[in-house]
Amino acid sequence: MKFSSDDVLWLSVSPSLQFFDRSLLSYLNDSVPVQIWEYQQTEDEACSLDMAVELLHEFLTGRDRPIHLIGHSTSGLVGLMYARRYPHKVSSLGLLSVGVPSAINWQAHYYTYLSAFPWSRKQVLNQIVCDMLGCQNKIINQKFISYFEDDLAFSPCPHSLFRISNPREQGVEVPLLICSSKTDFLVSPVVMRRWSKFLKKGDRLWECQDGRHFFHHFYPEQVGEEILNFWLSIPSRQVIINYKF
């Protein structure tokens, strides 16, 4: 069996956190070429997920066939918004750590902590990183704090200290794969299971046993196999897989 298409697009609106995507992308690339679409806003630019969605649409406008979109957290949310707005352009949608409400992400917890506790910005980041990665190795966690500081500055986030966004939730027309972790404190299993009422025939809701918020970094083979098997199950609008015996 061999994947021969380049019709898979990994979405990245958090370039500073791409480190956590690499192991999964490497695993997927062994079977199917995965393109990466990046969006990064400037520090003085108004935060707008709609802008990211429209730029993605501009990028895909010249294509003559739909594409398989996949993304983690806010990047996945951009894919979800795009698939709802332009379903005819999407073959399938894979969402990692995107719950219901779909806007819940690490920044929502960051601003909630900042407003609820008498902690400094650095203390809040320390706690959030511990929640996402575990507290076993604080030296390694310290290394990653700068990654999340950059993400606060350069990723399009619907949240702020004064407002936590909760958009209206609904399903999506295209084939849907939802992946999560049983140990994700930020996007909990309870939040993820709310997807059940929106799932169609053929959609999948899969849970990794461990790995917290970045489970796809720690368990790329397991996550990758779920994604590949999902694509195999889709009666897609165009064939993306060739079988060779």
Protein backbone atom coordinates (compact mmCIF):
# COMPACT_ATOMS: atom_id res chain seq x y z
CA MET A 1 0.00 0.00 0.00
CA LYS A 2 1.33 3.40 -0.93
CA PHE A 3 -0.02 6.91 -0.53
CA SER A 4 0.72 8.82 -3.71
CA SER A 5 -1.07 12.13 -3.20
CA ASP A 6 0.14 15.48 -1.89
CA ASP A 7 -3.42 16.45 -0.99
CA VAL A 8 -2.84 16.70 2.77
CA LEU A 9 -2.30 20.04 4.49
CA TRP A 10 -1.11 20.48 8.08
CA LEU A 11 -2.23 23.84 9.47
CA SER A 12 0.07 25.85 11.73
CA VAL A 13 -0.96 29.19 13.19
CA SER A 14 1.45 28.77 16.11
CA PRO A 15 4.88 28.61 14.44
CA SER A 16 6.68 28.91 17.77
CA LEU A 17 5.13 25.59 18.86
CA GLN A 18 6.02 23.62 15.73
CA PHE A 19 8.56 21.62 17.71
CA PHE A 20 5.65 19.60 19.12
CA ASP A 21 4.34 18.74 15.63
CA ARG A 22 7.55 17.44 14.07
CA SER A 23 7.49 13.84 15.27
CA LEU A 24 3.94 13.28 13.97
CA LEU A 25 4.66 15.02 10.67
CA SER A 26 7.77 12.89 10.22
CA TYR A 27 5.73 9.74 10.83
CA LEU A 28 2.98 10.76 8.40
CA ASN A 29 5.49 11.78 5.75
CA ASP A 30 6.74 8.21 5.63
CA SER A 31 3.36 7.30 4.09
CA VAL A 32 2.01 10.44 2.46
CA PRO A 33 3.56 13.81 1.61
CA VAL A 34 2.23 16.44 4.01
CA GLN A 35 2.32 20.10 3.09
CA ILE A 36 2.46 22.72 5.86
CA TRP A 37 0.53 25.99 5.79
CA GLU A 38 1.76 28.62 8.25
CA TYR A 39 0.21 31.82 9.50
CA GLN A 40 1.87 34.24 11.92
CA GLN A 41 0.50 37.61 12.88
CA THR A 42 2.67 40.56 13.85
CA GLU A 43 2.70 41.93 17.40
CA ASP A 44 0.86 45.11 16.40
CA GLU A 45 -1.68 43.32 14.20
CA ALA A 46 -5.26 42.88 15.41
CA CYS A 47 -5.91 39.27 16.39
CA SER A 48 -8.23 37.67 13.85
CA LEU A 49 -8.99 34.03 13.22
CA ASP A 50 -11.16 35.17 10.31
CA MET A 51 -8.09 36.69 8.67
CA ALA A 52 -6.27 33.36 8.99
CA VAL A 53 -9.26 31.53 7.46
CA GLU A 54 -9.46 33.91 4.51
CA LEU A 55 -5.71 33.71 3.88
CA LEU A 56 -6.00 29.93 3.91
CA HIS A 57 -8.82 30.19 1.39
CA GLU A 58 -6.69 32.45 -0.78
CA PHE A 59 -3.91 29.84 -0.62
CA LEU A 60 -6.29 27.05 -1.69
CA THR A 61 -8.30 28.99 -4.28
CA GLY A 62 -6.25 27.73 -7.23
CA ARG A 63 -6.78 24.05 -6.36
CA ASP A 64 -9.10 22.04 -8.59
CA ARG A 65 -9.88 19.39 -5.95
CA PRO A 66 -10.57 19.28 -2.20
CA ILE A 67 -7.84 18.76 0.37
CA HIS A 68 -7.43 16.92 3.68
CA LEU A 69 -6.91 19.44 6.49
CA ILE A 70 -5.43 18.64 9.89
CA GLY A 71 -4.29 20.75 12.83
CA HIS A 72 -3.71 20.87 16.58
CA SER A 73 -5.50 23.24 18.97
CA THR A 74 -5.96 26.76 17.50
CA SER A 75 -4.57 25.57 14.17
CA GLY A 76 -7.28 22.93 14.14
CA LEU A 77 -9.87 25.58 15.00
CA VAL A 78 -8.84 27.50 11.87
CA GLY A 79 -9.37 24.30 9.88
CA LEU A 80 -12.78 23.81 11.50
CA MET A 81 -13.84 27.35 10.63
CA TYR A 82 -12.61 26.86 7.07
CA ALA A 83 -14.42 23.53 6.65
CA ARG A 84 -17.68 25.08 7.88
CA ARG A 85 -17.29 28.03 5.53
CA TYR A 86 -15.98 26.16 2.47
CA PRO A 87 -16.97 22.47 2.83
CA HIS A 88 -16.64 21.85 -0.92
CA LYS A 89 -12.90 22.58 -0.61
CA VAL A 90 -12.26 19.99 2.12
CA SER A 91 -11.98 16.20 1.73
CA SER A 92 -11.73 15.59 5.47
CA LEU A 93 -10.86 17.39 8.68
CA GLY A 94 -8.58 16.10 11.45
CA LEU A 95 -8.69 17.93 14.78
CA LEU A 96 -6.21 17.32 17.61
CA SER A 97 -7.01 18.79 21.04
CA VAL A 98 -9.96 20.78 19.72
CA GLY A 99 -12.89 20.38 22.08
CA VAL A 100 -16.37 21.78 22.56
CA PRO A 101 -16.23 24.76 22.94
CA SER A 102 -13.73 24.66 20.09
CA ALA A 103 -11.98 27.88 21.15
CA ILE A 104 -10.63 26.32 24.36
CA ASN A 105 -6.84 26.34 24.18
CA TRP A 106 -3.84 26.89 26.41
CA GLN A 107 -4.20 30.67 26.13
CA ALA A 108 -7.75 30.52 27.50
CA HIS A 109 -6.36 28.81 30.61
CA TYR A 110 -3.48 31.30 30.75
CA TYR A 111 -5.82 34.30 30.90
CA THR A 112 -8.14 32.53 33.36
CA TYR A 113 -5.20 31.84 35.70
CA LEU A 114 -3.90 35.38 35.29
CA SER A 115 -7.23 36.87 36.36
CA ALA A 116 -7.98 34.33 39.11
CA PHE A 117 -4.66 34.11 40.98
CA PRO A 118 -2.22 36.69 42.38
CA TRP A 119 0.56 35.27 40.21
CA SER A 120 3.05 36.93 37.93
CA ARG A 121 3.02 36.26 34.20
CA LYS A 122 6.05 34.00 34.60
CA GLN A 123 4.41 32.01 37.40
CA VAL A 124 1.30 31.45 35.28
CA LEU A 125 3.40 30.29 32.33
CA ASN A 126 5.33 27.93 34.60
CA GLN A 127 2.08 26.37 35.81
CA ILE A 128 0.55 26.13 32.33
CA VAL A 129 3.66 24.47 30.87
CA CYS A 130 3.61 22.03 33.79
CA ASP A 131 -0.05 21.28 33.05
CA MET A 132 0.71 20.66 29.37
CA LEU A 133 3.97 18.73 29.62
CA GLY A 134 4.01 17.34 33.15
CA CYS A 135 6.15 18.53 36.04
CA GLN A 136 8.77 15.78 36.01
CA ASN A 137 11.55 17.83 34.44
CA LYS A 138 11.35 21.49 35.38
CA ILE A 139 14.65 22.30 33.65
CA ILE A 140 13.28 21.13 30.30
CA ASN A 141 9.99 22.92 30.96
CA GLN A 142 11.89 26.18 31.53
CA LYS A 143 13.34 25.83 28.05
CA PHE A 144 9.86 25.75 26.54
CA ILE A 145 8.48 28.81 28.34
CA SER A 146 9.93 31.12 25.70
CA TYR A 147 8.07 29.12 23.02
CA PHE A 148 4.76 29.89 24.72
CA GLU A 149 5.69 33.53 25.29
CA ASP A 150 6.17 33.82 21.53
CA ASP A 151 2.87 32.06 20.93
CA LEU A 152 1.10 34.67 23.07
CA ALA A 153 2.59 37.38 20.88
CA PHE A 154 2.30 35.90 17.41
CA SER A 155 -0.59 33.41 17.21
CA PRO A 156 -4.17 34.48 16.43
CA CYS A 157 -6.04 33.80 19.66
CA PRO A 158 -9.70 34.70 20.31
CA HIS A 159 -9.02 35.22 24.02
CA SER A 160 -7.67 38.06 26.14
CA LEU A 161 -7.42 38.99 29.81
CA PHE A 162 -10.80 40.69 29.49
CA ARG A 163 -12.68 38.18 27.34
CA ILE A 164 -12.70 34.40 26.91
CA SER A 165 -14.36 33.54 23.61
CA ASN A 166 -17.09 30.88 23.45
CA PRO A 167 -18.36 30.60 19.87
CA ARG A 168 -21.60 28.84 18.96
CA GLU A 169 -20.89 25.16 18.44
CA GLN A 170 -22.09 23.03 15.54
CA GLY A 171 -20.97 20.10 13.45
CA VAL A 172 -19.29 20.08 10.08
CA GLU A 173 -20.35 18.60 6.73
CA VAL A 174 -17.03 16.95 5.86
CA PRO A 175 -15.66 13.63 7.25
CA LEU A 176 -14.28 14.36 10.72
CA LEU A 177 -11.59 12.82 12.93
CA ILE A 178 -11.30 14.05 16.53
CA CYS A 179 -8.15 13.06 18.46
CA SER A 180 -7.47 13.80 22.12
CA SER A 181 -5.65 12.56 25.20
CA LYS A 182 -7.08 11.09 28.39
CA THR A 183 -4.50 13.09 30.35
CA ASP A 184 -5.01 16.47 28.67
CA PHE A 185 -5.75 18.89 31.52
CA LEU A 186 -6.46 21.84 29.21
CA VAL A 187 -8.87 20.19 26.76
CA SER A 188 -10.26 17.50 29.04
CA PRO A 189 -11.94 14.22 28.07
CA VAL A 190 -15.28 15.70 29.22
CA VAL A 191 -14.85 18.60 26.79
CA MET A 192 -13.81 16.25 23.99
CA ARG A 193 -16.76 13.87 24.46
CA ARG A 194 -19.16 16.73 23.77
CA TRP A 195 -18.29 16.17 20.12
CA SER A 196 -20.42 13.00 20.21
CA LYS A 197 -23.67 14.85 19.49
CA PHE A 198 -22.17 16.36 16.32
CA LEU A 199 -20.65 13.21 14.80
CA LYS A 200 -21.95 11.77 11.52
CA LYS A 201 -21.70 8.25 10.19
CA GLY A 202 -18.02 7.57 9.50
CA ASP A 203 -16.71 10.29 11.82
CA ARG A 204 -14.31 9.16 14.54
CA LEU A 205 -13.59 10.22 18.11
CA TRP A 206 -10.29 8.72 19.32
CA GLU A 207 -8.52 9.09 22.65
CA CYS A 208 -4.81 8.56 23.33
CA GLN A 209 -4.03 6.93 26.68
CA ASP A 210 -1.43 9.53 27.71
CA GLY A 211 0.61 12.44 26.41
CA ARG A 212 -1.33 15.38 27.85
CA HIS A 213 -1.98 18.36 25.56
CA PHE A 214 0.81 17.49 23.10
CA PHE A 215 0.05 13.78 22.90
CA HIS A 216 0.88 13.77 19.18
CA HIS A 217 4.46 14.75 20.11
CA PHE A 218 4.87 11.93 22.63
CA TYR A 219 2.93 9.25 20.72
CA PRO A 220 3.39 10.04 17.01
CA GLU A 221 3.06 6.43 15.85
CA GLN A 222 -0.27 5.83 17.60
CA VAL A 223 -1.72 9.16 16.49
CA GLY A 224 -0.32 8.75 12.99
CA GLU A 225 -1.88 5.31 12.58
CA GLU A 226 -5.28 6.65 13.62
CA ILE A 227 -4.99 9.43 11.06
CA LEU A 228 -3.85 7.11 8.26
CA ASN A 229 -6.60 4.59 9.04
CA PHE A 230 -9.16 7.37 9.03
CA TRP A 231 -8.06 8.51 5.58
CA LEU A 232 -8.26 4.91 4.37
CA SER A 233 -11.86 4.67 5.58
CA ILE A 234 -13.07 7.73 3.68
CA PRO A 235 -15.03 7.24 0.46
CA SER A 236 -13.24 10.38 -0.66
CA ARG A 237 -14.16 12.74 -3.44
CA GLN A 238 -10.93 11.76 -5.09
CA VAL A 239 -8.71 8.73 -4.52
CA ILE A 240 -5.61 9.62 -2.51
CA ILE A 241 -4.31 6.10 -2.01
CA ASN A 242 -2.92 3.62 -4.50
CA TYR A 243 -2.73 -0.05 -3.58
CA LYS A 244 0.33 -1.93 -4.79
CA PHE A 245 0.75 -5.63 -4.12
